[in-house]
Amino acid sequence: MGDFLDEMLTMMSQTKSNENGEESFEELQQLLEDMFQAYIGLDGGPSLASSDSSTSSSYMTYSESSS
């Protein structure tokens, strides 16, 4: 968890603020998504999407065999 917080602080320090110093909701949401994806390892590591697809294919196999 400490690594995630360090990365979040680094990314926050690198972002550019609007002229008035406030970020839009969309910009903050995108920043959070980018940090979360980097944290869970979507850059080549195991991902939630791949586990969802294997669960889905297992379900399809079970459904087809039980019909």
N, C-alpha and C. Protein backbone atom coordinates (compact mmCIF):
# COMPACT_ATOMS: atom_id res chain seq x y z
N MET A 1 0.83 -1.19 0.00
CA MET A 1 0.00 0.00 0.00
C MET A 1 0.87 1.25 0.00
N GLY A 2 2.01 1.17 0.63
CA GLY A 2 2.93 2.31 0.66
C GLY A 2 3.42 2.67 -0.73
N ASP A 3 3.67 1.65 -1.57
CA ASP A 3 4.10 1.90 -2.94
C ASP A 3 3.03 2.66 -3.71
N PHE A 4 1.78 2.29 -3.50
CA PHE A 4 0.67 2.95 -4.19
C PHE A 4 0.61 4.43 -3.79
N LEU A 5 0.74 4.71 -2.50
CA LEU A 5 0.69 6.09 -2.04
C LEU A 5 1.86 6.90 -2.57
N ASP A 6 3.05 6.30 -2.60
CA ASP A 6 4.21 6.98 -3.17
C ASP A 6 3.98 7.32 -4.63
N GLU A 7 3.45 6.35 -5.38
CA GLU A 7 3.19 6.58 -6.80
C GLU A 7 2.12 7.66 -6.98
N MET A 8 1.10 7.64 -6.14
CA MET A 8 0.04 8.64 -6.24
C MET A 8 0.60 10.04 -5.98
N LEU A 9 1.43 10.19 -4.97
CA LEU A 9 2.04 11.48 -4.68
C LEU A 9 2.93 11.95 -5.82
N THR A 10 3.68 11.03 -6.42
CA THR A 10 4.53 11.38 -7.55
C THR A 10 3.70 11.86 -8.73
N MET A 11 2.64 11.13 -9.05
CA MET A 11 1.80 11.51 -10.18
C MET A 11 1.08 12.83 -9.90
N MET A 12 0.65 13.04 -8.68
CA MET A 12 -0.03 14.29 -8.34
C MET A 12 0.92 15.47 -8.47
N SER A 13 2.18 15.29 -8.12
CA SER A 13 3.14 16.38 -8.23
C SER A 13 3.49 16.69 -9.68
N GLN A 14 3.27 15.73 -10.58
CA GLN A 14 3.59 15.92 -11.99
C GLN A 14 2.43 16.48 -12.80
N THR A 15 1.23 16.51 -12.23
CA THR A 15 0.07 16.99 -12.98
C THR A 15 0.06 18.50 -13.03
N LYS A 16 -0.51 19.04 -14.10
CA LYS A 16 -0.62 20.48 -14.27
C LYS A 16 -2.00 20.92 -13.80
N SER A 17 -2.03 21.96 -13.00
CA SER A 17 -3.30 22.49 -12.52
C SER A 17 -3.87 23.48 -13.52
N ASN A 18 -5.18 23.72 -13.43
CA ASN A 18 -5.80 24.78 -14.21
C ASN A 18 -5.29 26.11 -13.68
N GLU A 19 -5.61 27.19 -14.37
CA GLU A 19 -5.13 28.51 -13.96
C GLU A 19 -5.53 28.85 -12.53
N ASN A 20 -6.73 28.48 -12.12
CA ASN A 20 -7.19 28.81 -10.77
C ASN A 20 -6.77 27.76 -9.74
N GLY A 21 -6.01 26.75 -10.16
CA GLY A 21 -5.50 25.76 -9.23
C GLY A 21 -6.45 24.62 -8.94
N GLU A 22 -7.60 24.57 -9.60
CA GLU A 22 -8.56 23.51 -9.37
C GLU A 22 -8.59 22.56 -10.57
N GLU A 23 -8.77 21.29 -10.29
CA GLU A 23 -8.88 20.28 -11.34
C GLU A 23 -10.35 20.02 -11.62
N SER A 24 -10.65 19.69 -12.87
CA SER A 24 -12.03 19.31 -13.17
C SER A 24 -12.26 17.88 -12.68
N PHE A 25 -13.51 17.53 -12.50
CA PHE A 25 -13.85 16.19 -12.05
C PHE A 25 -13.33 15.14 -13.02
N GLU A 26 -13.46 15.41 -14.33
CA GLU A 26 -13.02 14.45 -15.34
C GLU A 26 -11.51 14.24 -15.27
N GLU A 27 -10.75 15.31 -15.04
CA GLU A 27 -9.30 15.17 -14.94
C GLU A 27 -8.91 14.36 -13.71
N LEU A 28 -9.57 14.61 -12.60
CA LEU A 28 -9.28 13.85 -11.39
C LEU A 28 -9.66 12.38 -11.54
N GLN A 29 -10.79 12.14 -12.21
CA GLN A 29 -11.23 10.76 -12.44
C GLN A 29 -10.23 10.02 -13.32
N GLN A 30 -9.74 10.67 -14.38
CA GLN A 30 -8.76 10.03 -15.26
C GLN A 30 -7.46 9.76 -14.52
N LEU A 31 -7.03 10.69 -13.69
CA LEU A 31 -5.81 10.50 -12.90
C LEU A 31 -5.95 9.31 -11.97
N LEU A 32 -7.10 9.19 -11.31
CA LEU A 32 -7.34 8.06 -10.41
C LEU A 32 -7.34 6.74 -11.17
N GLU A 33 -7.99 6.71 -12.35
CA GLU A 33 -8.02 5.49 -13.15
C GLU A 33 -6.62 5.09 -13.59
N ASP A 34 -5.81 6.06 -14.01
CA ASP A 34 -4.43 5.77 -14.42
C ASP A 34 -3.62 5.20 -13.27
N MET A 35 -3.76 5.80 -12.09
CA MET A 35 -3.02 5.31 -10.93
C MET A 35 -3.47 3.91 -10.54
N PHE A 36 -4.77 3.68 -10.57
CA PHE A 36 -5.29 2.37 -10.18
C PHE A 36 -4.83 1.29 -11.15
N GLN A 37 -4.87 1.58 -12.46
CA GLN A 37 -4.43 0.60 -13.45
C GLN A 37 -2.95 0.28 -13.27
N ALA A 38 -2.15 1.29 -13.00
CA ALA A 38 -0.72 1.05 -12.77
C ALA A 38 -0.52 0.22 -11.51
N TYR A 39 -1.33 0.47 -10.49
CA TYR A 39 -1.18 -0.24 -9.22
C TYR A 39 -1.55 -1.71 -9.34
N ILE A 40 -2.63 -2.04 -10.07
CA ILE A 40 -3.05 -3.44 -10.15
C ILE A 40 -2.29 -4.21 -11.22
N GLY A 41 -1.42 -3.54 -11.95
CA GLY A 41 -0.54 -4.24 -12.87
C GLY A 41 -1.13 -4.53 -14.23
N LEU A 42 -1.91 -3.63 -14.78
CA LEU A 42 -2.47 -3.85 -16.11
C LEU A 42 -1.41 -3.69 -17.20
N ASP A 43 -0.21 -3.32 -16.82
CA ASP A 43 0.86 -3.16 -17.79
C ASP A 43 1.64 -4.46 -17.99
N GLY A 44 0.93 -5.59 -18.07
CA GLY A 44 1.57 -6.86 -18.35
C GLY A 44 1.37 -7.89 -17.26
N GLY A 45 0.91 -7.48 -16.11
CA GLY A 45 0.66 -8.42 -15.03
C GLY A 45 -0.73 -9.00 -15.11
N PRO A 46 -1.10 -9.80 -14.13
CA PRO A 46 -2.46 -10.35 -14.12
C PRO A 46 -3.48 -9.23 -13.97
N SER A 47 -4.58 -9.35 -14.66
CA SER A 47 -5.58 -8.29 -14.61
C SER A 47 -6.94 -8.85 -14.26
N LEU A 48 -7.83 -7.97 -13.83
CA LEU A 48 -9.19 -8.38 -13.53
C LEU A 48 -9.92 -8.79 -14.79
N ALA A 49 -9.61 -8.15 -15.91
CA ALA A 49 -10.30 -8.46 -17.16
C ALA A 49 -10.02 -9.91 -17.59
N SER A 50 -8.79 -10.36 -17.43
CA SER A 50 -8.48 -11.72 -17.86
C SER A 50 -9.16 -12.74 -16.96
N SER A 51 -9.29 -12.46 -15.67
CA SER A 51 -9.97 -13.41 -14.80
C SER A 51 -11.46 -13.42 -15.08
N ASP A 52 -12.03 -12.27 -15.46
CA ASP A 52 -13.44 -12.23 -15.82
C ASP A 52 -13.70 -13.07 -17.07
N SER A 53 -12.81 -13.00 -18.06
CA SER A 53 -13.04 -13.75 -19.29
C SER A 53 -12.90 -15.25 -19.05
N SER A 54 -11.99 -15.66 -18.17
CA SER A 54 -11.86 -17.09 -17.90
C SER A 54 -13.08 -17.60 -17.14
N THR A 55 -13.61 -16.79 -16.25
CA THR A 55 -14.83 -17.16 -15.54
C THR A 55 -15.98 -17.28 -16.52
N SER A 56 -16.04 -16.35 -17.45
CA SER A 56 -17.10 -16.36 -18.44
C SER A 56 -17.00 -17.60 -19.33
N SER A 57 -15.78 -17.94 -19.78
CA SER A 57 -15.63 -19.09 -20.66
C SER A 57 -15.92 -20.39 -19.90
N SER A 58 -15.58 -20.46 -18.61
CA SER A 58 -15.89 -21.64 -17.82
C SER A 58 -17.40 -21.80 -17.69
N TYR A 59 -18.08 -20.69 -17.52
CA TYR A 59 -19.53 -20.73 -17.40
C TYR A 59 -20.14 -21.22 -18.70
N MET A 60 -19.63 -20.72 -19.83
CA MET A 60 -20.16 -21.14 -21.12
C MET A 60 -19.94 -22.64 -21.33
N THR A 61 -18.78 -23.13 -20.97
CA THR A 61 -18.49 -24.55 -21.11
C THR A 61 -19.44 -25.38 -20.26
N TYR A 62 -19.66 -24.96 -19.04
CA TYR A 62 -20.57 -25.67 -18.14
C TYR A 62 -22.00 -25.62 -18.69
N SER A 63 -22.42 -24.46 -19.16
CA SER A 63 -23.78 -24.31 -19.68
C SER A 63 -24.01 -25.20 -20.90
N GLU A 64 -23.02 -25.25 -21.78
CA GLU A 64 -23.17 -26.05 -22.99
C GLU A 64 -23.21 -27.54 -22.68
N SER A 65 -22.41 -27.97 -21.70
CA SER A 65 -22.37 -29.40 -21.40
C SER A 65 -23.60 -29.85 -20.62
N SER A 66 -24.24 -28.95 -19.89
CA SER A 66 -25.41 -29.34 -19.11
C SER A 66 -26.70 -29.30 -19.93
N SER A 67 -26.65 -28.76 -21.14
CA SER A 67 -27.85 -28.66 -21.97
C SER A 67 -28.23 -29.98 -22.61
